[in-house]
Amino acid sequence: MPEANSFEIRPFGGGLIDLFVFGNVRVMFRSLVEWRLIRSADEGAFESDGRWSNRLGVRIRLAEKYFINKTLYGILGLEALADLKGTLSDTFA
């Protein structure tokens, strides 16, 4: 099990699609697969596992009239995570 004094590498790949856009509201779906390599600094042991995450998100553009680049957003999201082998847990979950 990972501990607070550890080093972690997480290369990942996946995709993002817009389910629909209506005015200032954008609904998106993202799916990622990541490989996790964790090294315990205290014990020197390595652990590895894969993780799959799916996120459904809503982004709402706010105050369009007052910002030139339209950079203020309200964001809502729901994410589900699954370890592919089920052998690792999050250190700071």
PDB file of N, CA and C in Angstrom:
ATOM      1  N   MET A   1       0.848  -1.186   0.000  1.00  0.00           N
ATOM      2  CA  MET A   1       0.000   0.000   0.000  1.00  0.00           C
ATOM      3  C   MET A   1       0.884   1.238   0.000  1.00  0.00           C
ATOM      4  N   PRO A   2       0.595   2.235  -0.874  1.00  0.00           N
ATOM      5  CA  PRO A   2       1.387   3.453  -0.908  1.00  0.00           C
ATOM      6  C   PRO A   2       1.306   4.212   0.410  1.00  0.00           C
ATOM      7  N   GLU A   3       2.355   4.931   0.697  1.00  0.00           N
ATOM      8  CA  GLU A   3       2.404   5.730   1.911  1.00  0.00           C
ATOM      9  C   GLU A   3       2.709   7.171   1.545  1.00  0.00           C
ATOM     10  N   ALA A   4       2.692   8.045   2.535  1.00  0.00           N
ATOM     11  CA  ALA A   4       2.872   9.477   2.275  1.00  0.00           C
ATOM     12  C   ALA A   4       4.241   9.780   1.696  1.00  0.00           C
ATOM     13  N   ASN A   5       5.276   9.026   2.052  1.00  0.00           N
ATOM     14  CA  ASN A   5       6.628   9.269   1.560  1.00  0.00           C
ATOM     15  C   ASN A   5       6.890   8.354   0.370  1.00  0.00           C
ATOM     16  N   SER A   6       6.295   8.694  -0.786  1.00  0.00           N
ATOM     17  CA  SER A   6       6.411   7.857  -1.976  1.00  0.00           C
ATOM     18  C   SER A   6       6.554   8.719  -3.220  1.00  0.00           C
ATOM     19  N   PHE A   7       6.966   8.080  -4.306  1.00  0.00           N
ATOM     20  CA  PHE A   7       7.131   8.727  -5.602  1.00  0.00           C
ATOM     21  C   PHE A   7       6.241   7.983  -6.592  1.00  0.00           C
ATOM     22  N   GLU A   8       5.468   8.728  -7.389  1.00  0.00           N
ATOM     23  CA  GLU A   8       4.504   8.093  -8.284  1.00  0.00           C
ATOM     24  C   GLU A   8       4.611   8.669  -9.682  1.00  0.00           C
ATOM     25  N   ILE A   9       4.570   7.782 -10.688  1.00  0.00           N
ATOM     26  CA  ILE A   9       4.547   8.167 -12.102  1.00  0.00           C
ATOM     27  C   ILE A   9       3.255   7.633 -12.694  1.00  0.00           C
ATOM     28  N   ARG A  10       2.545   8.487 -13.480  1.00  0.00           N
ATOM     29  CA  ARG A  10       1.255   8.102 -14.062  1.00  0.00           C
ATOM     30  C   ARG A  10       1.148   8.499 -15.535  1.00  0.00           C
ATOM     31  N   PRO A  11       1.762   7.784 -16.459  1.00  0.00           N
ATOM     32  CA  PRO A  11       1.483   8.081 -17.871  1.00  0.00           C
ATOM     33  C   PRO A  11       0.060   7.615 -18.211  1.00  0.00           C
ATOM     34  N   PHE A  12      -0.641   8.362 -19.085  1.00  0.00           N
ATOM     35  CA  PHE A  12      -2.029   8.029 -19.389  1.00  0.00           C
ATOM     36  C   PHE A  12      -2.354   8.377 -20.834  1.00  0.00           C
ATOM     37  N   GLY A  13      -3.448   7.825 -21.311  1.00  0.00           N
ATOM     38  CA  GLY A  13      -3.975   8.126 -22.638  1.00  0.00           C
ATOM     39  C   GLY A  13      -5.472   7.942 -22.620  1.00  0.00           C
ATOM     40  N   GLY A  14      -6.153   8.641 -23.499  1.00  0.00           N
ATOM     41  CA  GLY A  14      -7.604   8.529 -23.530  1.00  0.00           C
ATOM     42  C   GLY A  14      -8.211   9.497 -24.511  1.00  0.00           C
ATOM     43  N   GLY A  15      -9.472   9.791 -24.305  1.00  0.00           N
ATOM     44  CA  GLY A  15     -10.178  10.674 -25.208  1.00  0.00           C
ATOM     45  C   GLY A  15     -11.255  11.487 -24.514  1.00  0.00           C
ATOM     46  N   LEU A  16     -11.644  12.578 -25.167  1.00  0.00           N
ATOM     47  CA  LEU A  16     -12.675  13.485 -24.673  1.00  0.00           C
ATOM     48  C   LEU A  16     -13.622  13.782 -25.823  1.00  0.00           C
ATOM     49  N   ILE A  17     -14.908  13.645 -25.562  1.00  0.00           N
ATOM     50  CA  ILE A  17     -15.892  13.989 -26.587  1.00  0.00           C
ATOM     51  C   ILE A  17     -16.938  14.922 -25.979  1.00  0.00           C
ATOM     52  N   ASP A  18     -17.449  15.821 -26.804  1.00  0.00           N
ATOM     53  CA  ASP A  18     -18.573  16.668 -26.410  1.00  0.00           C
ATOM     54  C   ASP A  18     -19.856  15.905 -26.719  1.00  0.00           C
ATOM     55  N   LEU A  19     -20.668  15.670 -25.703  1.00  0.00           N
ATOM     56  CA  LEU A  19     -21.944  15.003 -25.929  1.00  0.00           C
ATOM     57  C   LEU A  19     -22.938  15.959 -26.570  1.00  0.00           C
ATOM     58  N   PHE A  20     -22.987  17.188 -26.049  1.00  0.00           N
ATOM     59  CA  PHE A  20     -23.754  18.239 -26.714  1.00  0.00           C
ATOM     60  C   PHE A  20     -23.343  19.599 -26.177  1.00  0.00           C
ATOM     61  N   VAL A  21     -23.586  20.606 -27.008  1.00  0.00           N
ATOM     62  CA  VAL A  21     -23.325  21.997 -26.643  1.00  0.00           C
ATOM     63  C   VAL A  21     -24.615  22.762 -26.896  1.00  0.00           C
ATOM     64  N   PHE A  22     -25.073  23.475 -25.864  1.00  0.00           N
ATOM     65  CA  PHE A  22     -26.278  24.272 -26.003  1.00  0.00           C
ATOM     66  C   PHE A  22     -25.995  25.647 -25.415  1.00  0.00           C
ATOM     67  N   GLY A  23     -25.784  26.630 -26.254  1.00  0.00           N
ATOM     68  CA  GLY A  23     -25.478  27.984 -25.792  1.00  0.00           C
ATOM     69  C   GLY A  23     -24.183  28.010 -24.999  1.00  0.00           C
ATOM     70  N   ASN A  24     -24.264  28.423 -23.738  1.00  0.00           N
ATOM     71  CA  ASN A  24     -23.087  28.497 -22.871  1.00  0.00           C
ATOM     72  C   ASN A  24     -22.826  27.206 -22.099  1.00  0.00           C
ATOM     73  N   VAL A  25     -23.592  26.156 -22.340  1.00  0.00           N
ATOM     74  CA  VAL A  25     -23.474  24.902 -21.594  1.00  0.00           C
ATOM     75  C   VAL A  25     -22.878  23.822 -22.504  1.00  0.00           C
ATOM     76  N   ARG A  26     -21.823  23.173 -21.998  1.00  0.00           N
ATOM     77  CA  ARG A  26     -21.168  22.096 -22.741  1.00  0.00           C
ATOM     78  C   ARG A  26     -21.134  20.857 -21.847  1.00  0.00           C
ATOM     79  N   VAL A  27     -21.647  19.727 -22.348  1.00  0.00           N
ATOM     80  CA  VAL A  27     -21.617  18.456 -21.619  1.00  0.00           C
ATOM     81  C   VAL A  27     -20.583  17.561 -22.302  1.00  0.00           C
ATOM     82  N   MET A  28     -19.620  17.059 -21.490  1.00  0.00           N
ATOM     83  CA  MET A  28     -18.494  16.315 -22.043  1.00  0.00           C
ATOM     84  C   MET A  28     -18.357  14.960 -21.364  1.00  0.00           C
ATOM     85  N   PHE A  29     -17.757  14.004 -22.073  1.00  0.00           N
ATOM     86  CA  PHE A  29     -17.422  12.700 -21.515  1.00  0.00           C
ATOM     87  C   PHE A  29     -15.953  12.436 -21.788  1.00  0.00           C
ATOM     88  N   ARG A  30     -15.208  12.041 -20.730  1.00  0.00           N
ATOM     89  CA  ARG A  30     -13.789  11.753 -20.867  1.00  0.00           C
ATOM     90  C   ARG A  30     -13.516  10.353 -20.328  1.00  0.00           C
ATOM     91  N   SER A  31     -12.697   9.597 -21.044  1.00  0.00           N
ATOM     92  CA  SER A  31     -12.288   8.279 -20.598  1.00  0.00           C
ATOM     93  C   SER A  31     -10.773   8.189 -20.689  1.00  0.00           C
ATOM     94  N   LEU A  32     -10.123   7.758 -19.607  1.00  0.00           N
ATOM     95  CA  LEU A  32      -8.664   7.638 -19.554  1.00  0.00           C
ATOM     96  C   LEU A  32      -8.264   6.271 -19.036  1.00  0.00           C
ATOM     97  N   VAL A  33      -7.159   5.759 -19.559  1.00  0.00           N
ATOM     98  CA  VAL A  33      -6.500   4.599 -18.996  1.00  0.00           C
ATOM     99  C   VAL A  33      -5.112   5.064 -18.600  1.00  0.00           C
ATOM    100  N   GLU A  34      -4.736   4.805 -17.346  1.00  0.00           N
ATOM    101  CA  GLU A  34      -3.416   5.236 -16.884  1.00  0.00           C
ATOM    102  C   GLU A  34      -2.680   4.065 -16.238  1.00  0.00           C
ATOM    103  N   TRP A  35      -1.373   4.106 -16.360  1.00  0.00           N
ATOM    104  CA  TRP A  35      -0.514   3.131 -15.714  1.00  0.00           C
ATOM    105  C   TRP A  35       0.131   3.825 -14.539  1.00  0.00           C
ATOM    106  N   ARG A  36       0.110   3.207 -13.374  1.00  0.00           N
ATOM    107  CA  ARG A  36       0.621   3.815 -12.153  1.00  0.00           C
ATOM    108  C   ARG A  36       1.808   3.010 -11.644  1.00  0.00           C
ATOM    109  N   LEU A  37       2.945   3.681 -11.455  1.00  0.00           N
ATOM    110  CA  LEU A  37       4.129   3.081 -10.870  1.00  0.00           C
ATOM    111  C   LEU A  37       4.460   3.868  -9.607  1.00  0.00           C
ATOM    112  N   ILE A  38       4.441   3.199  -8.462  1.00  0.00           N
ATOM    113  CA  ILE A  38       4.664   3.850  -7.175  1.00  0.00           C
ATOM    114  C   ILE A  38       5.887   3.230  -6.516  1.00  0.00           C
ATOM    115  N   ARG A  39       6.799   4.084  -6.069  1.00  0.00           N
ATOM    116  CA  ARG A  39       7.993   3.634  -5.350  1.00  0.00           C
ATOM    117  C   ARG A  39       7.947   4.195  -3.937  1.00  0.00           C
ATOM    118  N   SER A  40       8.027   3.323  -2.972  1.00  0.00           N
ATOM    119  CA  SER A  40       8.048   3.725  -1.568  1.00  0.00           C
ATOM    120  C   SER A  40       9.453   4.185  -1.224  1.00  0.00           C
ATOM    121  N   ALA A  41       9.593   5.428  -0.746  1.00  0.00           N
ATOM    122  CA  ALA A  41      10.907   5.963  -0.393  1.00  0.00           C
ATOM    123  C   ALA A  41      11.462   5.285   0.853  1.00  0.00           C
ATOM    124  N   ASP A  42      10.602   4.853   1.751  1.00  0.00           N
ATOM    125  CA  ASP A  42      11.058   4.216   2.984  1.00  0.00           C
ATOM    126  C   ASP A  42      11.527   2.777   2.758  1.00  0.00           C
ATOM    127  N   GLU A  43      10.758   2.009   1.996  1.00  0.00           N
ATOM    128  CA  GLU A  43      11.068   0.599   1.788  1.00  0.00           C
ATOM    129  C   GLU A  43      11.826   0.345   0.492  1.00  0.00           C
ATOM    130  N   GLY A  44      11.745   1.261  -0.485  1.00  0.00           N
ATOM    131  CA  GLY A  44      12.387   1.069  -1.780  1.00  0.00           C
ATOM    132  C   GLY A  44      11.650   0.098  -2.685  1.00  0.00           C
ATOM    133  N   ALA A  45      10.453  -0.323  -2.310  1.00  0.00           N
ATOM    134  CA  ALA A  45       9.678  -1.286  -3.087  1.00  0.00           C
ATOM    135  C   ALA A  45       8.854  -0.575  -4.166  1.00  0.00           C
ATOM    136  N   PHE A  46       8.672  -1.245  -5.311  1.00  0.00           N
ATOM    137  CA  PHE A  46       7.854  -0.739  -6.404  1.00  0.00           C
ATOM    138  C   PHE A  46       6.536  -1.489  -6.452  1.00  0.00           C
ATOM    139  N   GLU A  47       5.466  -0.782  -6.783  1.00  0.00           N
ATOM    140  CA  GLU A  47       4.158  -1.375  -7.053  1.00  0.00           C
ATOM    141  C   GLU A  47       3.648  -0.760  -8.349  1.00  0.00           C
ATOM    142  N   SER A  48       2.909  -1.524  -9.129  1.00  0.00           N
ATOM    143  CA  SER A  48       2.340  -0.972 -10.362  1.00  0.00           C
ATOM    144  C   SER A  48       0.946  -1.534 -10.582  1.00  0.00           C
ATOM    145  N   ASP A  49       0.153  -0.776 -11.309  1.00  0.00           N
ATOM    146  CA  ASP A  49      -1.215  -1.177 -11.619  1.00  0.00           C
ATOM    147  C   ASP A  49      -1.731  -0.238 -12.707  1.00  0.00           C
ATOM    148  N   GLY A  50      -2.810  -0.610 -13.323  1.00  0.00           N
ATOM    149  CA  GLY A  50      -3.490   0.253 -14.271  1.00  0.00           C
ATOM    150  C   GLY A  50      -4.771   0.769 -13.662  1.00  0.00           C
ATOM    151  N   ARG A  51      -5.249   1.904 -14.147  1.00  0.00           N
ATOM    152  CA  ARG A  51      -6.516   2.449 -13.653  1.00  0.00           C
ATOM    153  C   ARG A  51      -7.283   3.026 -14.830  1.00  0.00           C
ATOM    154  N   TRP A  52      -8.580   2.836 -14.802  1.00  0.00           N
ATOM    155  CA  TRP A  52      -9.471   3.348 -15.830  1.00  0.00           C
ATOM    156  C   TRP A  52     -10.385   4.351 -15.159  1.00  0.00           C
ATOM    157  N   SER A  53     -10.505   5.543 -15.754  1.00  0.00           N
ATOM    158  CA  SER A  53     -11.400   6.555 -15.189  1.00  0.00           C
ATOM    159  C   SER A  53     -12.330   7.093 -16.273  1.00  0.00           C
ATOM    160  N   ASN A  54     -13.565   7.309 -15.888  1.00  0.00           N
ATOM    161  CA  ASN A  54     -14.578   7.906 -16.765  1.00  0.00           C
ATOM    162  C   ASN A  54     -15.154   9.113 -16.058  1.00  0.00           C
ATOM    163  N   ARG A  55     -15.255  10.231 -16.766  1.00  0.00           N
ATOM    164  CA  ARG A  55     -15.776  11.458 -16.164  1.00  0.00           C
ATOM    165  C   ARG A  55     -16.852  12.051 -17.070  1.00  0.00           C
ATOM    166  N   LEU A  56     -17.975  12.374 -16.462  1.00  0.00           N
ATOM    167  CA  LEU A  56     -19.045  13.108 -17.127  1.00  0.00           C
ATOM    168  C   LEU A  56     -18.997  14.514 -16.555  1.00  0.00           C
ATOM    169  N   GLY A  57     -18.847  15.499 -17.396  1.00  0.00           N
ATOM    170  CA  GLY A  57     -18.690  16.864 -16.907  1.00  0.00           C
ATOM    171  C   GLY A  57     -19.597  17.852 -17.619  1.00  0.00           C
ATOM    172  N   VAL A  58     -19.915  18.916 -16.912  1.00  0.00           N
ATOM    173  CA  VAL A  58     -20.692  20.026 -17.466  1.00  0.00           C
ATOM    174  C   VAL A  58     -19.888  21.296 -17.239  1.00  0.00           C
ATOM    175  N   ARG A  59     -19.684  22.062 -18.295  1.00  0.00           N
ATOM    176  CA  ARG A  59     -18.975  23.337 -18.188  1.00  0.00           C
ATOM    177  C   ARG A  59     -19.915  24.442 -18.669  1.00  0.00           C
ATOM    178  N   ILE A  60     -20.089  25.448 -17.820  1.00  0.00           N
ATOM    179  CA  ILE A  60     -20.992  26.565 -18.127  1.00  0.00           C
ATOM    180  C   ILE A  60     -20.172  27.840 -18.206  1.00  0.00           C
ATOM    181  N   ARG A  61     -20.198  28.480 -19.361  1.00  0.00           N
ATOM    182  CA  ARG A  61     -19.466  29.740 -19.535  1.00  0.00           C
ATOM    183  C   ARG A  61     -20.257  30.856 -18.865  1.00  0.00           C
ATOM    184  N   LEU A  62     -19.599  31.596 -17.960  1.00  0.00           N
ATOM    185  CA  LEU A  62     -20.243  32.659 -17.192  1.00  0.00           C
ATOM    186  C   LEU A  62     -19.716  34.021 -17.627  1.00  0.00           C
ATOM    187  N   ALA A  63     -20.492  35.053 -17.428  1.00  0.00           N
ATOM    188  CA  ALA A  63     -20.080  36.457 -17.609  1.00  0.00           C
ATOM    189  C   ALA A  63     -19.404  36.696 -18.953  1.00  0.00           C
ATOM    190  N   GLU A  64     -19.992  36.193 -20.015  1.00  0.00           N
ATOM    191  CA  GLU A  64     -19.424  36.330 -21.364  1.00  0.00           C
ATOM    192  C   GLU A  64     -19.234  37.784 -21.769  1.00  0.00           C
ATOM    193  N   LYS A  65     -20.101  38.664 -21.349  1.00  0.00           N
ATOM    194  CA  LYS A  65     -20.044  40.063 -21.769  1.00  0.00           C
ATOM    195  C   LYS A  65     -18.893  40.817 -21.116  1.00  0.00           C
ATOM    196  N   TYR A  66     -18.411  40.337 -19.965  1.00  0.00           N
ATOM    197  CA  TYR A  66     -17.433  41.096 -19.195  1.00  0.00           C
ATOM    198  C   TYR A  66     -15.989  40.619 -19.355  1.00  0.00           C
ATOM    199  N   PHE A  67     -15.780  39.461 -19.979  1.00  0.00           N
ATOM    200  CA  PHE A  67     -14.438  38.923 -20.149  1.00  0.00           C
ATOM    201  C   PHE A  67     -14.135  38.768 -21.637  1.00  0.00           C
ATOM    202  N   ILE A  68     -13.023  39.332 -22.076  1.00  0.00           N
ATOM    203  CA  ILE A  68     -12.666  39.296 -23.495  1.00  0.00           C
ATOM    204  C   ILE A  68     -12.454  37.865 -23.974  1.00  0.00           C
ATOM    205  N   ASN A  69     -11.720  37.047 -23.196  1.00  0.00           N
ATOM    206  CA  ASN A  69     -11.409  35.682 -23.607  1.00  0.00           C
ATOM    207  C   ASN A  69     -12.410  34.649 -23.086  1.00  0.00           C
ATOM    208  N   LYS A  70     -13.468  35.094 -22.456  1.00  0.00           N
ATOM    209  CA  LYS A  70     -14.517  34.194 -21.930  1.00  0.00           C
ATOM    210  C   LYS A  70     -13.894  33.119 -21.037  1.00  0.00           C
ATOM    211  N   THR A  71     -13.136  33.547 -20.032  1.00  0.00           N
ATOM    212  CA  THR A  71     -12.345  32.612 -19.241  1.00  0.00           C
ATOM    213  C   THR A  71     -12.962  32.231 -17.899  1.00  0.00           C
ATOM    214  N   LEU A  72     -14.147  32.672 -17.565  1.00  0.00           N
ATOM    215  CA  LEU A  72     -14.764  32.314 -16.300  1.00  0.00           C
ATOM    216  C   LEU A  72     -15.812  31.234 -16.557  1.00  0.00           C
ATOM    217  N   TYR A  73     -15.657  30.075 -15.877  1.00  0.00           N
ATOM    218  CA  TYR A  73     -16.536  28.942 -16.097  1.00  0.00           C
ATOM    219  C   TYR A  73     -17.039  28.399 -14.761  1.00  0.00           C
ATOM    220  N   GLY A  74     -18.234  27.836 -14.770  1.00  0.00           N
ATOM    221  CA  GLY A  74     -18.726  27.001 -13.682  1.00  0.00           C
ATOM    222  C   GLY A  74     -18.584  25.564 -14.146  1.00  0.00           C
ATOM    223  N   ILE A  75     -18.014  24.705 -13.300  1.00  0.00           N
ATOM    224  CA  ILE A  75     -17.721  23.336 -13.704  1.00  0.00           C
ATOM    225  C   ILE A  75     -18.346  22.356 -12.720  1.00  0.00           C
ATOM    226  N   LEU A  76     -19.031  21.345 -13.252  1.00  0.00           N
ATOM    227  CA  LEU A  76     -19.588  20.246 -12.468  1.00  0.00           C
ATOM    228  C   LEU A  76     -19.058  18.944 -13.054  1.00  0.00           C
ATOM    229  N   GLY A  77     -18.763  17.966 -12.208  1.00  0.00           N
ATOM    230  CA  GLY A  77     -18.254  16.712 -12.745  1.00  0.00           C
ATOM    231  C   GLY A  77     -18.582  15.530 -11.866  1.00  0.00           C
ATOM    232  N   LEU A  78     -18.664  14.376 -12.491  1.00  0.00           N
ATOM    233  CA  LEU A  78     -18.889  13.112 -11.808  1.00  0.00           C
ATOM    234  C   LEU A  78     -17.889  12.133 -12.400  1.00  0.00           C
ATOM    235  N   GLU A  79     -17.062  11.497 -11.534  1.00  0.00           N
ATOM    236  CA  GLU A  79     -16.006  10.623 -12.033  1.00  0.00           C
ATOM    237  C   GLU A  79     -16.074   9.260 -11.356  1.00  0.00           C
ATOM    238  N   ALA A  80     -15.882   8.203 -12.148  1.00  0.00           N
ATOM    239  CA  ALA A  80     -15.819   6.836 -11.640  1.00  0.00           C
ATOM    240  C   ALA A  80     -14.438   6.280 -11.959  1.00  0.00           C
ATOM    241  N   LEU A  81     -13.797   5.668 -10.952  1.00  0.00           N
ATOM    242  CA  LEU A  81     -12.462   5.110 -11.111  1.00  0.00           C
ATOM    243  C   LEU A  81     -12.503   3.610 -10.850  1.00  0.00           C
ATOM    244  N   ALA A  82     -11.663   2.858 -11.568  1.00  0.00           N
ATOM    245  CA  ALA A  82     -11.560   1.416 -11.339  1.00  0.00           C
ATOM    246  C   ALA A  82     -10.126   0.984 -11.567  1.00  0.00           C
ATOM    247  N   ASP A  83      -9.527   0.303 -10.582  1.00  0.00           N
ATOM    248  CA  ASP A  83      -8.209  -0.296 -10.777  1.00  0.00           C
ATOM    249  C   ASP A  83      -8.370  -1.503 -11.674  1.00  0.00           C
ATOM    250  N   LEU A  84      -7.480  -1.655 -12.647  1.00  0.00           N
ATOM    251  CA  LEU A  84      -7.596  -2.766 -13.589  1.00  0.00           C
ATOM    252  C   LEU A  84      -7.272  -4.097 -12.919  1.00  0.00           C
ATOM    253  N   LYS A  85      -6.294  -4.115 -11.991  1.00  0.00           N
ATOM    254  CA  LYS A  85      -5.980  -5.343 -11.254  1.00  0.00           C
ATOM    255  C   LYS A  85      -6.509  -5.284  -9.824  1.00  0.00           C
ATOM    256  N   GLY A  86      -6.799  -4.073  -9.331  1.00  0.00           N
ATOM    257  CA  GLY A  86      -7.332  -3.916  -7.989  1.00  0.00           C
ATOM    258  C   GLY A  86      -6.319  -4.067  -6.880  1.00  0.00           C
ATOM    259  N   THR A  87      -5.025  -3.839  -7.169  1.00  0.00           N
ATOM    260  CA  THR A  87      -4.003  -4.063  -6.157  1.00  0.00           C
ATOM    261  C   THR A  87      -3.493  -2.803  -5.488  1.00  0.00           C
ATOM    262  N   LEU A  88      -3.784  -1.611  -6.016  1.00  0.00           N
ATOM    263  CA  LEU A  88      -3.284  -0.370  -5.443  1.00  0.00           C
ATOM    264  C   LEU A  88      -4.414   0.446  -4.844  1.00  0.00           C
ATOM    265  N   SER A  89      -4.070   1.293  -3.876  1.00  0.00           N
ATOM    266  CA  SER A  89      -5.026   2.256  -3.347  1.00  0.00           C
ATOM    267  C   SER A  89      -4.383   3.623  -3.382  1.00  0.00           C
ATOM    268  N   ASP A  90      -5.184   4.663  -3.367  1.00  0.00           N
ATOM    269  CA  ASP A  90      -4.670   6.025  -3.413  1.00  0.00           C
ATOM    270  C   ASP A  90      -4.097   6.427  -2.072  1.00  0.00           C
ATOM    271  N   THR A  91      -2.960   7.109  -2.113  1.00  0.00           N
ATOM    272  CA  THR A  91      -2.306   7.567  -0.891  1.00  0.00           C
ATOM    273  C   THR A  91      -3.100   8.666  -0.214  1.00  0.00           C
ATOM    274  N   PHE A  92      -3.608   9.610  -0.986  1.00  0.00           N
ATOM    275  CA  PHE A  92      -4.261  10.784  -0.422  1.00  0.00           C
ATOM    276  C   PHE A  92      -5.742  10.822  -0.749  1.00  0.00           C
ATOM    277  N   ALA A  93      -6.384   9.674  -0.905  1.00  0.00           N
ATOM    278  CA  ALA A  93      -7.804   9.633  -1.235  1.00  0.00           C
ATOM    279  C   ALA A  93      -8.638  10.065  -0.044  1.00  0.00           C
TER     280      ALA A  93
END
